[in-house]
Amino acid sequence: MATGRSMLKAHVERDLAMVSTTRMQALRELVLANNPHLADEIDEITDLQLLILVKASIGSDPTADPVETKQMMAFFDRLIEEKRQSATKH
């Protein structure tokens, strides 16, 4: 997942604002590109589930730089919390 990880890192660094619909679609496409077996289910996965899935894949990469991984995990923790809070408001 080195290429996918690099693409994800670039995506994350581009904008640390709230997760928009367009950004979530781009993240879905990235996940699907790295996990083609999810093709039938990708549209059924909620944004929150998608963020949790990506965070889990980041944390499970044994070849990753530990500092970078910690930063990305913290970023996804914030995104997950934002999604949870926005879900409880609606």
PDB file of N, CA and C in Angstrom:
ATOM      1  N   MET A   1       0.821  -1.194   0.000  1.00  0.00           N
ATOM      2  CA  MET A   1       0.000   0.000   0.000  1.00  0.00           C
ATOM      3  C   MET A   1       0.863   1.255   0.000  1.00  0.00           C
ATOM      4  N   ALA A   2       2.114   1.132  -0.342  1.00  0.00           N
ATOM      5  CA  ALA A   2       3.003   2.297  -0.332  1.00  0.00           C
ATOM      6  C   ALA A   2       2.498   3.396  -1.254  1.00  0.00           C
ATOM      7  N   THR A   3       2.085   3.049  -2.461  1.00  0.00           N
ATOM      8  CA  THR A   3       1.581   4.064  -3.380  1.00  0.00           C
ATOM      9  C   THR A   3       0.298   4.669  -2.847  1.00  0.00           C
ATOM     10  N   GLY A   4      -0.618   3.837  -2.397  1.00  0.00           N
ATOM     11  CA  GLY A   4      -1.860   4.326  -1.823  1.00  0.00           C
ATOM     12  C   GLY A   4      -1.610   5.191  -0.603  1.00  0.00           C
ATOM     13  N   ARG A   5      -0.645   4.791   0.208  1.00  0.00           N
ATOM     14  CA  ARG A   5      -0.305   5.555   1.410  1.00  0.00           C
ATOM     15  C   ARG A   5       0.246   6.927   1.023  1.00  0.00           C
ATOM     16  N   SER A   6       1.096   6.973   0.004  1.00  0.00           N
ATOM     17  CA  SER A   6       1.642   8.250  -0.456  1.00  0.00           C
ATOM     18  C   SER A   6       0.534   9.144  -0.998  1.00  0.00           C
ATOM     19  N   MET A   7      -0.387   8.553  -1.746  1.00  0.00           N
ATOM     20  CA  MET A   7      -1.509   9.314  -2.276  1.00  0.00           C
ATOM     21  C   MET A   7      -2.384   9.825  -1.134  1.00  0.00           C
ATOM     22  N   LEU A   8      -2.612   8.974  -0.142  1.00  0.00           N
ATOM     23  CA  LEU A   8      -3.421   9.378   1.001  1.00  0.00           C
ATOM     24  C   LEU A   8      -2.747  10.502   1.771  1.00  0.00           C
ATOM     25  N   LYS A   9      -1.450  10.387   1.975  1.00  0.00           N
ATOM     26  CA  LYS A   9      -0.721  11.432   2.697  1.00  0.00           C
ATOM     27  C   LYS A   9      -0.831  12.765   1.959  1.00  0.00           C
ATOM     28  N   ALA A  10      -0.674  12.737   0.652  1.00  0.00           N
ATOM     29  CA  ALA A  10      -0.790  13.965  -0.141  1.00  0.00           C
ATOM     30  C   ALA A  10      -2.198  14.534  -0.022  1.00  0.00           C
ATOM     31  N   HIS A  11      -3.180  13.649  -0.040  1.00  0.00           N
ATOM     32  CA  HIS A  11      -4.573  14.077   0.094  1.00  0.00           C
ATOM     33  C   HIS A  11      -4.809  14.731   1.462  1.00  0.00           C
ATOM     34  N   VAL A  12      -4.287  14.126   2.494  1.00  0.00           N
ATOM     35  CA  VAL A  12      -4.459  14.635   3.862  1.00  0.00           C
ATOM     36  C   VAL A  12      -3.757  15.970   4.028  1.00  0.00           C
ATOM     37  N   GLU A  13      -2.554  16.081   3.513  1.00  0.00           N
ATOM     38  CA  GLU A  13      -1.784  17.310   3.672  1.00  0.00           C
ATOM     39  C   GLU A  13      -2.384  18.479   2.906  1.00  0.00           C
ATOM     40  N   ARG A  14      -3.100  18.186   1.839  1.00  0.00           N
ATOM     41  CA  ARG A  14      -3.666  19.241   1.008  1.00  0.00           C
ATOM     42  C   ARG A  14      -4.638  20.122   1.784  1.00  0.00           C
ATOM     43  N   ASP A  15      -5.416  19.515   2.650  1.00  0.00           N
ATOM     44  CA  ASP A  15      -6.434  20.315   3.318  1.00  0.00           C
ATOM     45  C   ASP A  15      -6.829  19.659   4.626  1.00  0.00           C
ATOM     46  N   LEU A  16      -6.650  20.346   5.724  1.00  0.00           N
ATOM     47  CA  LEU A  16      -6.985  19.795   7.029  1.00  0.00           C
ATOM     48  C   LEU A  16      -8.351  20.273   7.524  1.00  0.00           C
ATOM     49  N   ALA A  17      -9.142  20.835   6.633  1.00  0.00           N
ATOM     50  CA  ALA A  17     -10.473  21.313   7.003  1.00  0.00           C
ATOM     51  C   ALA A  17     -11.431  20.130   7.154  1.00  0.00           C
ATOM     52  N   MET A  18     -12.678  20.444   7.439  1.00  0.00           N
ATOM     53  CA  MET A  18     -13.692  19.392   7.588  1.00  0.00           C
ATOM     54  C   MET A  18     -13.811  18.575   6.306  1.00  0.00           C
ATOM     55  N   VAL A  19     -14.268  17.338   6.458  1.00  0.00           N
ATOM     56  CA  VAL A  19     -14.382  16.418   5.332  1.00  0.00           C
ATOM     57  C   VAL A  19     -15.600  16.789   4.495  1.00  0.00           C
ATOM     58  N   SER A  20     -15.349  17.161   3.252  1.00  0.00           N
ATOM     59  CA  SER A  20     -16.443  17.521   2.350  1.00  0.00           C
ATOM     60  C   SER A  20     -16.898  16.290   1.582  1.00  0.00           C
ATOM     61  N   THR A  21     -18.030  16.408   0.931  1.00  0.00           N
ATOM     62  CA  THR A  21     -18.565  15.318   0.123  1.00  0.00           C
ATOM     63  C   THR A  21     -17.594  14.949  -0.990  1.00  0.00           C
ATOM     64  N   THR A  22     -17.016  15.944  -1.645  1.00  0.00           N
ATOM     65  CA  THR A  22     -16.059  15.690  -2.722  1.00  0.00           C
ATOM     66  C   THR A  22     -14.832  14.958  -2.199  1.00  0.00           C
ATOM     67  N   ARG A  23     -14.342  15.386  -1.056  1.00  0.00           N
ATOM     68  CA  ARG A  23     -13.173  14.756  -0.473  1.00  0.00           C
ATOM     69  C   ARG A  23     -13.482  13.315  -0.061  1.00  0.00           C
ATOM     70  N   MET A  24     -14.671  13.091   0.470  1.00  0.00           N
ATOM     71  CA  MET A  24     -15.040  11.731   0.852  1.00  0.00           C
ATOM     72  C   MET A  24     -15.148  10.841  -0.389  1.00  0.00           C
ATOM     73  N   GLN A  25     -15.642  11.377  -1.497  1.00  0.00           N
ATOM     74  CA  GLN A  25     -15.716  10.592  -2.727  1.00  0.00           C
ATOM     75  C   GLN A  25     -14.310  10.246  -3.216  1.00  0.00           C
ATOM     76  N   ALA A  26     -13.398  11.188  -3.132  1.00  0.00           N
ATOM     77  CA  ALA A  26     -12.009  10.925  -3.525  1.00  0.00           C
ATOM     78  C   ALA A  26     -11.397   9.849  -2.618  1.00  0.00           C
ATOM     79  N   LEU A  27     -11.705   9.913  -1.342  1.00  0.00           N
ATOM     80  CA  LEU A  27     -11.199   8.912  -0.403  1.00  0.00           C
ATOM     81  C   LEU A  27     -11.792   7.537  -0.719  1.00  0.00           C
ATOM     82  N   ARG A  28     -13.070   7.499  -1.069  1.00  0.00           N
ATOM     83  CA  ARG A  28     -13.711   6.231  -1.479  1.00  0.00           C
ATOM     84  C   ARG A  28     -12.991   5.646  -2.698  1.00  0.00           C
ATOM     85  N   GLU A  29     -12.688   6.499  -3.671  1.00  0.00           N
ATOM     86  CA  GLU A  29     -12.016   6.036  -4.881  1.00  0.00           C
ATOM     87  C   GLU A  29     -10.622   5.505  -4.569  1.00  0.00           C
ATOM     88  N   LEU A  30      -9.930   6.168  -3.652  1.00  0.00           N
ATOM     89  CA  LEU A  30      -8.604   5.714  -3.243  1.00  0.00           C
ATOM     90  C   LEU A  30      -8.689   4.359  -2.537  1.00  0.00           C
ATOM     91  N   VAL A  31      -9.644   4.215  -1.637  1.00  0.00           N
ATOM     92  CA  VAL A  31      -9.829   2.944  -0.936  1.00  0.00           C
ATOM     93  C   VAL A  31     -10.169   1.846  -1.938  1.00  0.00           C
ATOM     94  N   LEU A  32     -11.051   2.142  -2.864  1.00  0.00           N
ATOM     95  CA  LEU A  32     -11.444   1.152  -3.866  1.00  0.00           C
ATOM     96  C   LEU A  32     -10.266   0.763  -4.762  1.00  0.00           C
ATOM     97  N   ALA A  33      -9.432   1.731  -5.115  1.00  0.00           N
ATOM     98  CA  ALA A  33      -8.257   1.435  -5.954  1.00  0.00           C
ATOM     99  C   ALA A  33      -7.304   0.478  -5.243  1.00  0.00           C
ATOM    100  N   ASN A  34      -7.212   0.593  -3.924  1.00  0.00           N
ATOM    101  CA  ASN A  34      -6.311  -0.267  -3.149  1.00  0.00           C
ATOM    102  C   ASN A  34      -6.998  -1.520  -2.616  1.00  0.00           C
ATOM    103  N   ASN A  35      -8.333  -1.572  -2.721  1.00  0.00           N
ATOM    104  CA  ASN A  35      -9.108  -2.702  -2.214  1.00  0.00           C
ATOM    105  C   ASN A  35     -10.234  -3.040  -3.191  1.00  0.00           C
ATOM    106  N   PRO A  36      -9.892  -3.537  -4.386  1.00  0.00           N
ATOM    107  CA  PRO A  36     -10.921  -3.787  -5.398  1.00  0.00           C
ATOM    108  C   PRO A  36     -11.999  -4.779  -4.946  1.00  0.00           C
ATOM    109  N   HIS A  37     -11.679  -5.603  -3.955  1.00  0.00           N
ATOM    110  CA  HIS A  37     -12.669  -6.559  -3.447  1.00  0.00           C
ATOM    111  C   HIS A  37     -13.850  -5.864  -2.758  1.00  0.00           C
ATOM    112  N   LEU A  38     -13.731  -4.550  -2.484  1.00  0.00           N
ATOM    113  CA  LEU A  38     -14.818  -3.798  -1.856  1.00  0.00           C
ATOM    114  C   LEU A  38     -15.770  -3.165  -2.879  1.00  0.00           C
ATOM    115  N   ALA A  39     -15.577  -3.455  -4.146  1.00  0.00           N
ATOM    116  CA  ALA A  39     -16.349  -2.798  -5.210  1.00  0.00           C
ATOM    117  C   ALA A  39     -17.857  -2.894  -4.996  1.00  0.00           C
ATOM    118  N   ASP A  40     -18.339  -4.047  -4.564  1.00  0.00           N
ATOM    119  CA  ASP A  40     -19.778  -4.222  -4.387  1.00  0.00           C
ATOM    120  C   ASP A  40     -20.312  -3.511  -3.146  1.00  0.00           C
ATOM    121  N   GLU A  41     -19.447  -3.256  -2.169  1.00  0.00           N
ATOM    122  CA  GLU A  41     -19.907  -2.683  -0.907  1.00  0.00           C
ATOM    123  C   GLU A  41     -19.544  -1.215  -0.700  1.00  0.00           C
ATOM    124  N   ILE A  42     -18.678  -0.657  -1.530  1.00  0.00           N
ATOM    125  CA  ILE A  42     -18.130   0.682  -1.269  1.00  0.00           C
ATOM    126  C   ILE A  42     -19.216   1.754  -1.143  1.00  0.00           C
ATOM    127  N   ASP A  43     -20.278   1.637  -1.908  1.00  0.00           N
ATOM    128  CA  ASP A  43     -21.337   2.650  -1.839  1.00  0.00           C
ATOM    129  C   ASP A  43     -22.218   2.495  -0.602  1.00  0.00           C
ATOM    130  N   GLU A  44     -22.169   1.335   0.025  1.00  0.00           N
ATOM    131  CA  GLU A  44     -22.969   1.096   1.223  1.00  0.00           C
ATOM    132  C   GLU A  44     -22.227   1.484   2.502  1.00  0.00           C
ATOM    133  N   ILE A  45     -20.937   1.717   2.388  1.00  0.00           N
ATOM    134  CA  ILE A  45     -20.131   2.078   3.551  1.00  0.00           C
ATOM    135  C   ILE A  45     -20.383   3.551   3.863  1.00  0.00           C
ATOM    136  N   THR A  46     -20.718   3.845   5.112  1.00  0.00           N
ATOM    137  CA  THR A  46     -20.951   5.241   5.501  1.00  0.00           C
ATOM    138  C   THR A  46     -19.623   5.986   5.542  1.00  0.00           C
ATOM    139  N   ASP A  47     -19.690   7.305   5.539  1.00  0.00           N
ATOM    140  CA  ASP A  47     -18.473   8.111   5.627  1.00  0.00           C
ATOM    141  C   ASP A  47     -17.706   7.790   6.906  1.00  0.00           C
ATOM    142  N   LEU A  48     -18.418   7.631   7.999  1.00  0.00           N
ATOM    143  CA  LEU A  48     -17.765   7.315   9.271  1.00  0.00           C
ATOM    144  C   LEU A  48     -17.062   5.963   9.191  1.00  0.00           C
ATOM    145  N   GLN A  49     -17.733   4.962   8.636  1.00  0.00           N
ATOM    146  CA  GLN A  49     -17.116   3.654   8.475  1.00  0.00           C
ATOM    147  C   GLN A  49     -15.886   3.728   7.577  1.00  0.00           C
ATOM    148  N   LEU A  50     -15.982   4.534   6.534  1.00  0.00           N
ATOM    149  CA  LEU A  50     -14.857   4.700   5.615  1.00  0.00           C
ATOM    150  C   LEU A  50     -13.645   5.295   6.333  1.00  0.00           C
ATOM    151  N   LEU A  51     -13.875   6.323   7.134  1.00  0.00           N
ATOM    152  CA  LEU A  51     -12.778   6.943   7.888  1.00  0.00           C
ATOM    153  C   LEU A  51     -12.148   5.945   8.858  1.00  0.00           C
ATOM    154  N   ILE A  52     -12.971   5.151   9.507  1.00  0.00           N
ATOM    155  CA  ILE A  52     -12.459   4.144  10.449  1.00  0.00           C
ATOM    156  C   ILE A  52     -11.664   3.084   9.704  1.00  0.00           C
ATOM    157  N   LEU A  53     -12.146   2.675   8.539  1.00  0.00           N
ATOM    158  CA  LEU A  53     -11.443   1.685   7.716  1.00  0.00           C
ATOM    159  C   LEU A  53     -10.064   2.205   7.299  1.00  0.00           C
ATOM    160  N   VAL A  54     -10.013   3.444   6.847  1.00  0.00           N
ATOM    161  CA  VAL A  54      -8.740   4.035   6.425  1.00  0.00           C
ATOM    162  C   VAL A  54      -7.794   4.159   7.617  1.00  0.00           C
ATOM    163  N   LYS A  55      -8.307   4.605   8.747  1.00  0.00           N
ATOM    164  CA  LYS A  55      -7.468   4.733   9.942  1.00  0.00           C
ATOM    165  C   LYS A  55      -6.882   3.377  10.338  1.00  0.00           C
ATOM    166  N   ALA A  56      -7.695   2.344  10.276  1.00  0.00           N
ATOM    167  CA  ALA A  56      -7.219   0.998  10.619  1.00  0.00           C
ATOM    168  C   ALA A  56      -6.122   0.542   9.667  1.00  0.00           C
ATOM    169  N   SER A  57      -6.266   0.857   8.382  1.00  0.00           N
ATOM    170  CA  SER A  57      -5.242   0.439   7.421  1.00  0.00           C
ATOM    171  C   SER A  57      -3.939   1.211   7.634  1.00  0.00           C
ATOM    172  N   ILE A  58      -4.054   2.457   8.039  1.00  0.00           N
ATOM    173  CA  ILE A  58      -2.848   3.256   8.324  1.00  0.00           C
ATOM    174  C   ILE A  58      -2.113   2.657   9.520  1.00  0.00           C
ATOM    175  N   GLY A  59      -2.851   2.323  10.542  1.00  0.00           N
ATOM    176  CA  GLY A  59      -2.254   1.787  11.760  1.00  0.00           C
ATOM    177  C   GLY A  59      -1.697   0.395  11.622  1.00  0.00           C
ATOM    178  N   SER A  60      -2.100  -0.321  10.576  1.00  0.00           N
ATOM    179  CA  SER A  60      -1.648  -1.706  10.423  1.00  0.00           C
ATOM    180  C   SER A  60      -0.480  -1.874   9.458  1.00  0.00           C
ATOM    181  N   ASP A  61       0.083  -0.783   8.970  1.00  0.00           N
ATOM    182  CA  ASP A  61       1.193  -0.855   8.013  1.00  0.00           C
ATOM    183  C   ASP A  61       2.518  -0.929   8.773  1.00  0.00           C
ATOM    184  N   PRO A  62       3.129  -2.116   8.848  1.00  0.00           N
ATOM    185  CA  PRO A  62       4.369  -2.271   9.622  1.00  0.00           C
ATOM    186  C   PRO A  62       5.577  -1.574   8.989  1.00  0.00           C
ATOM    187  N   THR A  63       5.485  -1.206   7.723  1.00  0.00           N
ATOM    188  CA  THR A  63       6.617  -0.576   7.043  1.00  0.00           C
ATOM    189  C   THR A  63       6.584   0.946   7.144  1.00  0.00           C
ATOM    190  N   ALA A  64       5.530   1.479   7.730  1.00  0.00           N
ATOM    191  CA  ALA A  64       5.339   2.932   7.769  1.00  0.00           C
ATOM    192  C   ALA A  64       6.230   3.593   8.813  1.00  0.00           C
ATOM    193  N   ASP A  65       6.531   4.836   8.552  1.00  0.00           N
ATOM    194  CA  ASP A  65       7.270   5.659   9.496  1.00  0.00           C
ATOM    195  C   ASP A  65       6.385   5.879  10.729  1.00  0.00           C
ATOM    196  N   PRO A  66       6.873   5.572  11.939  1.00  0.00           N
ATOM    197  CA  PRO A  66       6.031   5.681  13.129  1.00  0.00           C
ATOM    198  C   PRO A  66       5.545   7.101  13.420  1.00  0.00           C
ATOM    199  N   VAL A  67       6.362   8.091  13.154  1.00  0.00           N
ATOM    200  CA  VAL A  67       5.957   9.479  13.404  1.00  0.00           C
ATOM    201  C   VAL A  67       4.854   9.881  12.431  1.00  0.00           C
ATOM    202  N   GLU A  68       5.052   9.556  11.171  1.00  0.00           N
ATOM    203  CA  GLU A  68       4.038   9.858  10.155  1.00  0.00           C
ATOM    204  C   GLU A  68       2.735   9.131  10.481  1.00  0.00           C
ATOM    205  N   THR A  69       2.849   7.880  10.874  1.00  0.00           N
ATOM    206  CA  THR A  69       1.656   7.101  11.222  1.00  0.00           C
ATOM    207  C   THR A  69       0.913   7.744  12.384  1.00  0.00           C
ATOM    208  N   LYS A  70       1.634   8.168  13.394  1.00  0.00           N
ATOM    209  CA  LYS A  70       1.004   8.801  14.557  1.00  0.00           C
ATOM    210  C   LYS A  70       0.276  10.083  14.145  1.00  0.00           C
ATOM    211  N   GLN A  71       0.894  10.874  13.281  1.00  0.00           N
ATOM    212  CA  GLN A  71       0.272  12.111  12.804  1.00  0.00           C
ATOM    213  C   GLN A  71      -0.993  11.815  12.002  1.00  0.00           C
ATOM    214  N   MET A  72      -0.913  10.844  11.111  1.00  0.00           N
ATOM    215  CA  MET A  72      -2.073  10.507  10.286  1.00  0.00           C
ATOM    216  C   MET A  72      -3.193   9.908  11.136  1.00  0.00           C
ATOM    217  N   MET A  73      -2.831   9.102  12.128  1.00  0.00           N
ATOM    218  CA  MET A  73      -3.840   8.523  13.018  1.00  0.00           C
ATOM    219  C   MET A  73      -4.552   9.635  13.787  1.00  0.00           C
ATOM    220  N   ALA A  74      -3.804  10.609  14.263  1.00  0.00           N
ATOM    221  CA  ALA A  74      -4.401  11.732  14.991  1.00  0.00           C
ATOM    222  C   ALA A  74      -5.327  12.528  14.075  1.00  0.00           C
ATOM    223  N   PHE A  75      -4.906  12.724  12.849  1.00  0.00           N
ATOM    224  CA  PHE A  75      -5.742  13.436  11.880  1.00  0.00           C
ATOM    225  C   PHE A  75      -7.054  12.690  11.665  1.00  0.00           C
ATOM    226  N   PHE A  76      -6.980  11.383  11.458  1.00  0.00           N
ATOM    227  CA  PHE A  76      -8.196  10.610  11.241  1.00  0.00           C
ATOM    228  C   PHE A  76      -9.046  10.526  12.499  1.00  0.00           C
ATOM    229  N   ASP A  77      -8.429  10.543  13.668  1.00  0.00           N
ATOM    230  CA  ASP A  77      -9.209  10.615  14.911  1.00  0.00           C
ATOM    231  C   ASP A  77     -10.066  11.871  14.932  1.00  0.00           C
ATOM    232  N   ARG A  78      -9.475  13.006  14.528  1.00  0.00           N
ATOM    233  CA  ARG A  78     -10.231  14.269  14.470  1.00  0.00           C
ATOM    234  C   ARG A  78     -11.374  14.190  13.452  1.00  0.00           C
ATOM    235  N   LEU A  79     -11.085  13.633  12.274  1.00  0.00           N
ATOM    236  CA  LEU A  79     -12.128  13.510  11.244  1.00  0.00           C
ATOM    237  C   LEU A  79     -13.267  12.609  11.725  1.00  0.00           C
ATOM    238  N   ILE A  80     -12.917  11.521  12.375  1.00  0.00           N
ATOM    239  CA  ILE A  80     -13.924  10.592  12.884  1.00  0.00           C
ATOM    240  C   ILE A  80     -14.788  11.283  13.935  1.00  0.00           C
ATOM    241  N   GLU A  81     -14.160  12.021  14.823  1.00  0.00           N
ATOM    242  CA  GLU A  81     -14.913  12.736  15.857  1.00  0.00           C
ATOM    243  C   GLU A  81     -15.836  13.783  15.229  1.00  0.00           C
ATOM    244  N   GLU A  82     -15.352  14.500  14.219  1.00  0.00           N
ATOM    245  CA  GLU A  82     -16.186  15.486  13.524  1.00  0.00           C
ATOM    246  C   GLU A  82     -17.396  14.812  12.880  1.00  0.00           C
ATOM    247  N   LYS A  83     -17.167  13.666  12.251  1.00  0.00           N
ATOM    248  CA  LYS A  83     -18.269  12.936  11.613  1.00  0.00           C
ATOM    249  C   LYS A  83     -19.276  12.472  12.662  1.00  0.00           C
ATOM    250  N   ARG A  84     -18.781  11.967  13.783  1.00  0.00           N
ATOM    251  CA  ARG A  84     -19.686  11.523  14.852  1.00  0.00           C
ATOM    252  C   ARG A  84     -20.510  12.684  15.385  1.00  0.00           C
ATOM    253  N   GLN A  85     -19.874  13.821  15.598  1.00  0.00           N
ATOM    254  CA  GLN A  85     -20.591  14.986  16.115  1.00  0.00           C
ATOM    255  C   GLN A  85     -21.616  15.492  15.104  1.00  0.00           C
ATOM    256  N   SER A  86     -21.247  15.528  13.836  1.00  0.00           N
ATOM    257  CA  SER A  86     -22.204  16.008  12.832  1.00  0.00           C
ATOM    258  C   SER A  86     -23.368  15.027  12.680  1.00  0.00           C
ATOM    259  N   ALA A  87     -23.117  13.749  12.895  1.00  0.00           N
ATOM    260  CA  ALA A  87     -24.186  12.754  12.796  1.00  0.00           C
ATOM    261  C   ALA A  87     -25.183  12.893  13.936  1.00  0.00           C
ATOM    262  N   THR A  88     -24.710  13.277  15.121  1.00  0.00           N
ATOM    263  CA  THR A  88     -25.620  13.423  16.259  1.00  0.00           C
ATOM    264  C   THR A  88     -26.416  14.717  16.190  1.00  0.00           C
ATOM    265  N   LYS A  89     -25.957  15.668  15.403  1.00  0.00           N
ATOM    266  CA  LYS A  89     -26.667  16.943  15.243  1.00  0.00           C
ATOM    267  C   LYS A  89     -27.849  16.813  14.299  1.00  0.00           C
ATOM    268  N   HIS A  90     -27.828  15.787  13.433  1.00  0.00           N
ATOM    269  CA  HIS A  90     -28.897  15.657  12.423  1.00  0.00           C
ATOM    270  C   HIS A  90     -29.949  14.697  12.867  1.00  0.00           C
TER     271      HIS A  90
END
